[in-house]
């Protein structure tokens, strides 16, 4: 397995919303009037990783930012 972790210091994702993060069209700040995006980028990424036998997850801690982790079988990386 190849593992990758990306840490960001953007707005914290509320814990109760983390389970929806990879749903199609889900946006964390959807109720804000100027929320950009369609809510499909993480969904598409999740589906690509999942269909190659990998996993994609996220966590968010107050003061520590957001962390996105993915793992994918090394055989699935042969196209790179």
N, C-alpha and C. Protein backbone atom coordinates (compact mmCIF):
# COMPACT_ATOMS: atom_id res chain seq x y z
N UNK A 1 0.84 -1.18 0.00
CA UNK A 1 0.00 0.00 0.00
C UNK A 1 0.88 1.25 0.00
N UNK A 2 0.46 2.21 -0.76
CA UNK A 2 1.10 3.52 -0.73
C UNK A 2 0.18 4.43 0.09
N UNK A 3 0.75 5.21 0.99
CA UNK A 3 -0.02 6.09 1.85
C UNK A 3 0.38 7.52 1.63
N UNK A 4 -0.60 8.39 1.67
CA UNK A 4 -0.36 9.83 1.50
C UNK A 4 -1.23 10.56 2.51
N UNK A 5 -0.65 11.55 3.15
CA UNK A 5 -1.38 12.38 4.11
C UNK A 5 -1.15 13.84 3.74
N UNK A 6 -2.23 14.60 3.70
CA UNK A 6 -2.15 16.02 3.38
C UNK A 6 -2.80 16.79 4.52
N UNK A 7 -2.06 17.73 5.08
CA UNK A 7 -2.56 18.51 6.20
C UNK A 7 -2.81 19.93 5.73
N UNK A 8 -3.95 20.48 6.14
CA UNK A 8 -4.29 21.85 5.79
C UNK A 8 -4.65 22.64 7.03
N UNK A 9 -4.48 23.92 6.96
CA UNK A 9 -4.80 24.79 8.10
C UNK A 9 -6.02 25.66 7.82
N UNK A 10 -6.88 25.19 6.93
CA UNK A 10 -8.09 25.94 6.60
C UNK A 10 -9.11 25.87 7.71
N UNK A 11 -10.31 26.29 7.41
CA UNK A 11 -11.39 26.25 8.39
C UNK A 11 -11.62 24.83 8.87
N UNK A 12 -11.83 24.68 10.15
CA UNK A 12 -12.06 23.37 10.75
C UNK A 12 -13.38 22.80 10.23
N UNK A 13 -13.37 21.50 9.93
CA UNK A 13 -14.57 20.80 9.50
C UNK A 13 -15.25 20.25 10.76
N UNK A 14 -16.48 20.63 11.04
CA UNK A 14 -17.15 20.13 12.24
C UNK A 14 -17.20 18.59 12.24
N UNK A 15 -16.93 18.01 13.41
CA UNK A 15 -16.85 16.55 13.53
C UNK A 15 -18.11 15.85 13.04
N UNK A 16 -19.27 16.42 13.30
CA UNK A 16 -20.52 15.79 12.88
C UNK A 16 -20.71 15.80 11.36
N UNK A 17 -19.92 16.60 10.64
CA UNK A 17 -20.02 16.65 9.19
C UNK A 17 -18.98 15.79 8.48
N UNK A 18 -17.97 15.31 9.21
CA UNK A 18 -16.91 14.51 8.59
C UNK A 18 -17.46 13.27 7.89
N UNK A 19 -18.50 12.65 8.44
CA UNK A 19 -19.03 11.42 7.84
C UNK A 19 -19.69 11.68 6.49
N UNK A 20 -20.01 12.93 6.19
CA UNK A 20 -20.65 13.28 4.92
C UNK A 20 -19.65 13.86 3.90
N UNK A 21 -18.43 14.05 4.30
CA UNK A 21 -17.43 14.77 3.51
C UNK A 21 -17.23 14.21 2.10
N UNK A 22 -17.36 12.91 1.94
CA UNK A 22 -17.12 12.29 0.63
C UNK A 22 -18.42 11.96 -0.11
N UNK A 23 -19.54 12.51 0.36
CA UNK A 23 -20.83 12.34 -0.34
C UNK A 23 -20.88 13.30 -1.53
N UNK A 24 -21.53 12.86 -2.59
CA UNK A 24 -21.68 13.71 -3.77
C UNK A 24 -22.48 14.96 -3.42
N UNK A 25 -22.01 16.10 -3.83
CA UNK A 25 -22.62 17.43 -3.66
C UNK A 25 -22.60 17.96 -2.23
N UNK A 26 -21.93 17.27 -1.30
CA UNK A 26 -21.87 17.78 0.07
C UNK A 26 -20.86 18.91 0.16
N UNK A 27 -21.27 19.99 0.81
CA UNK A 27 -20.37 21.13 1.06
C UNK A 27 -20.48 21.49 2.52
N UNK A 28 -19.36 21.65 3.19
CA UNK A 28 -19.35 21.94 4.61
C UNK A 28 -20.04 23.27 4.90
N UNK A 29 -19.75 24.29 4.14
CA UNK A 29 -20.31 25.62 4.38
C UNK A 29 -21.46 25.95 3.44
N UNK A 30 -22.27 24.98 3.10
CA UNK A 30 -23.32 25.18 2.10
C UNK A 30 -24.33 26.26 2.49
N UNK A 31 -24.49 26.53 3.76
CA UNK A 31 -25.48 27.53 4.19
C UNK A 31 -24.96 28.95 4.13
N UNK A 32 -23.64 29.09 3.96
CA UNK A 32 -23.09 30.43 3.81
C UNK A 32 -23.43 30.94 2.42
N UNK A 33 -23.74 32.22 2.30
CA UNK A 33 -24.21 32.75 1.01
C UNK A 33 -23.20 32.71 -0.12
N UNK A 34 -21.91 32.68 0.18
CA UNK A 34 -20.91 32.74 -0.88
C UNK A 34 -20.03 31.49 -0.91
N UNK A 35 -20.60 30.35 -0.64
CA UNK A 35 -19.85 29.10 -0.68
C UNK A 35 -19.58 28.73 -2.13
N UNK A 36 -18.31 28.58 -2.46
CA UNK A 36 -17.92 28.23 -3.83
C UNK A 36 -17.87 26.72 -4.00
N UNK A 37 -17.91 26.28 -5.23
CA UNK A 37 -17.75 24.86 -5.54
C UNK A 37 -19.06 24.12 -5.65
N UNK A 38 -18.97 22.92 -6.21
CA UNK A 38 -20.15 22.10 -6.43
C UNK A 38 -20.27 20.95 -5.44
N UNK A 39 -19.22 20.70 -4.68
CA UNK A 39 -19.24 19.60 -3.72
C UNK A 39 -19.02 18.24 -4.36
N UNK A 40 -18.23 18.19 -5.43
CA UNK A 40 -17.99 16.89 -6.07
C UNK A 40 -16.52 16.47 -6.09
N UNK A 41 -15.60 17.37 -5.78
CA UNK A 41 -14.17 17.05 -5.88
C UNK A 41 -13.76 15.91 -4.95
N UNK A 42 -14.12 15.99 -3.68
CA UNK A 42 -13.76 14.92 -2.75
C UNK A 42 -14.51 13.64 -3.07
N UNK A 43 -15.75 13.77 -3.55
CA UNK A 43 -16.52 12.58 -3.93
C UNK A 43 -15.82 11.85 -5.09
N UNK A 44 -15.42 12.57 -6.11
CA UNK A 44 -14.75 11.97 -7.26
C UNK A 44 -13.42 11.34 -6.82
N UNK A 45 -12.65 12.05 -6.02
CA UNK A 45 -11.38 11.51 -5.52
C UNK A 45 -11.61 10.23 -4.73
N UNK A 46 -12.60 10.24 -3.84
CA UNK A 46 -12.93 9.07 -3.03
C UNK A 46 -13.30 7.88 -3.91
N UNK A 47 -14.12 8.10 -4.92
CA UNK A 47 -14.55 7.02 -5.80
C UNK A 47 -13.38 6.43 -6.61
N UNK A 48 -12.49 7.27 -7.08
CA UNK A 48 -11.32 6.78 -7.82
C UNK A 48 -10.46 5.92 -6.92
N UNK A 49 -10.17 6.40 -5.72
CA UNK A 49 -9.34 5.64 -4.77
C UNK A 49 -10.04 4.34 -4.40
N UNK A 50 -11.33 4.39 -4.10
CA UNK A 50 -12.10 3.20 -3.70
C UNK A 50 -12.13 2.16 -4.81
N UNK A 51 -12.32 2.58 -6.04
CA UNK A 51 -12.41 1.64 -7.16
C UNK A 51 -11.06 1.00 -7.47
N UNK A 52 -9.99 1.56 -6.96
CA UNK A 52 -8.66 0.96 -7.10
C UNK A 52 -8.28 0.16 -5.86
N UNK A 53 -9.23 -0.06 -4.95
CA UNK A 53 -8.99 -0.88 -3.77
C UNK A 53 -8.36 -0.14 -2.61
N UNK A 54 -8.43 1.17 -2.62
CA UNK A 54 -7.83 1.96 -1.56
C UNK A 54 -8.87 2.54 -0.61
N UNK A 55 -8.41 3.44 0.23
CA UNK A 55 -9.28 4.08 1.21
C UNK A 55 -8.88 5.54 1.32
N UNK A 56 -9.85 6.38 1.67
CA UNK A 56 -9.65 7.82 1.75
C UNK A 56 -10.42 8.30 2.96
N UNK A 57 -9.77 9.04 3.85
CA UNK A 57 -10.44 9.52 5.05
C UNK A 57 -9.96 10.91 5.42
N UNK A 58 -10.64 11.48 6.42
CA UNK A 58 -10.29 12.83 6.87
C UNK A 58 -10.59 12.96 8.36
N UNK A 59 -9.83 13.84 9.00
CA UNK A 59 -10.18 14.23 10.36
C UNK A 59 -9.86 15.71 10.53
N UNK A 60 -10.44 16.29 11.56
CA UNK A 60 -10.29 17.71 11.79
C UNK A 60 -10.29 17.95 13.29
N UNK A 61 -9.27 18.63 13.77
CA UNK A 61 -9.15 18.91 15.20
C UNK A 61 -8.98 20.41 15.42
N UNK A 62 -9.66 20.93 16.41
CA UNK A 62 -9.56 22.35 16.74
C UNK A 62 -8.11 22.72 17.00
N UNK A 63 -7.61 23.72 16.32
CA UNK A 63 -6.25 24.18 16.49
C UNK A 63 -5.20 23.38 15.74
N UNK A 64 -5.57 22.23 15.18
CA UNK A 64 -4.61 21.39 14.46
C UNK A 64 -4.90 21.32 12.97
N UNK A 65 -5.99 21.87 12.52
CA UNK A 65 -6.32 21.88 11.10
C UNK A 65 -6.98 20.59 10.64
N UNK A 66 -7.01 20.41 9.33
CA UNK A 66 -7.64 19.25 8.70
C UNK A 66 -6.57 18.33 8.15
N UNK A 67 -6.85 17.03 8.21
CA UNK A 67 -5.91 16.05 7.72
C UNK A 67 -6.65 15.08 6.80
N UNK A 68 -6.17 14.94 5.58
CA UNK A 68 -6.75 14.01 4.61
C UNK A 68 -5.73 12.91 4.37
N UNK A 69 -6.15 11.66 4.49
CA UNK A 69 -5.27 10.51 4.34
C UNK A 69 -5.84 9.57 3.29
N UNK A 70 -4.97 9.07 2.44
CA UNK A 70 -5.41 8.05 1.49
C UNK A 70 -4.39 6.95 1.42
N UNK A 71 -4.88 5.76 1.15
CA UNK A 71 -4.00 4.62 0.91
C UNK A 71 -4.52 3.91 -0.33
N UNK A 72 -3.58 3.43 -1.13
CA UNK A 72 -3.95 2.77 -2.38
C UNK A 72 -2.93 1.65 -2.63
N UNK A 73 -3.40 0.49 -3.10
CA UNK A 73 -2.46 -0.59 -3.39
C UNK A 73 -1.43 -0.14 -4.41
N UNK A 74 -0.18 -0.51 -4.20
CA UNK A 74 0.88 -0.05 -5.10
C UNK A 74 0.68 -0.53 -6.55
N UNK A 75 0.01 -1.66 -6.74
CA UNK A 75 -0.29 -2.13 -8.10
C UNK A 75 -1.20 -1.19 -8.86
N UNK A 76 -2.03 -0.44 -8.14
CA UNK A 76 -2.94 0.50 -8.78
C UNK A 76 -2.20 1.75 -9.27
N UNK A 77 -0.95 1.89 -8.88
CA UNK A 77 -0.16 3.06 -9.28
C UNK A 77 0.61 2.84 -10.58
N UNK A 78 0.43 1.71 -11.22
CA UNK A 78 1.20 1.40 -12.42
C UNK A 78 0.92 2.33 -13.59
N UNK A 79 -0.19 3.05 -13.55
CA UNK A 79 -0.52 3.97 -14.64
C UNK A 79 0.26 5.26 -14.56
N UNK A 80 0.95 5.51 -13.44
CA UNK A 80 1.70 6.77 -13.26
C UNK A 80 3.06 6.67 -13.90
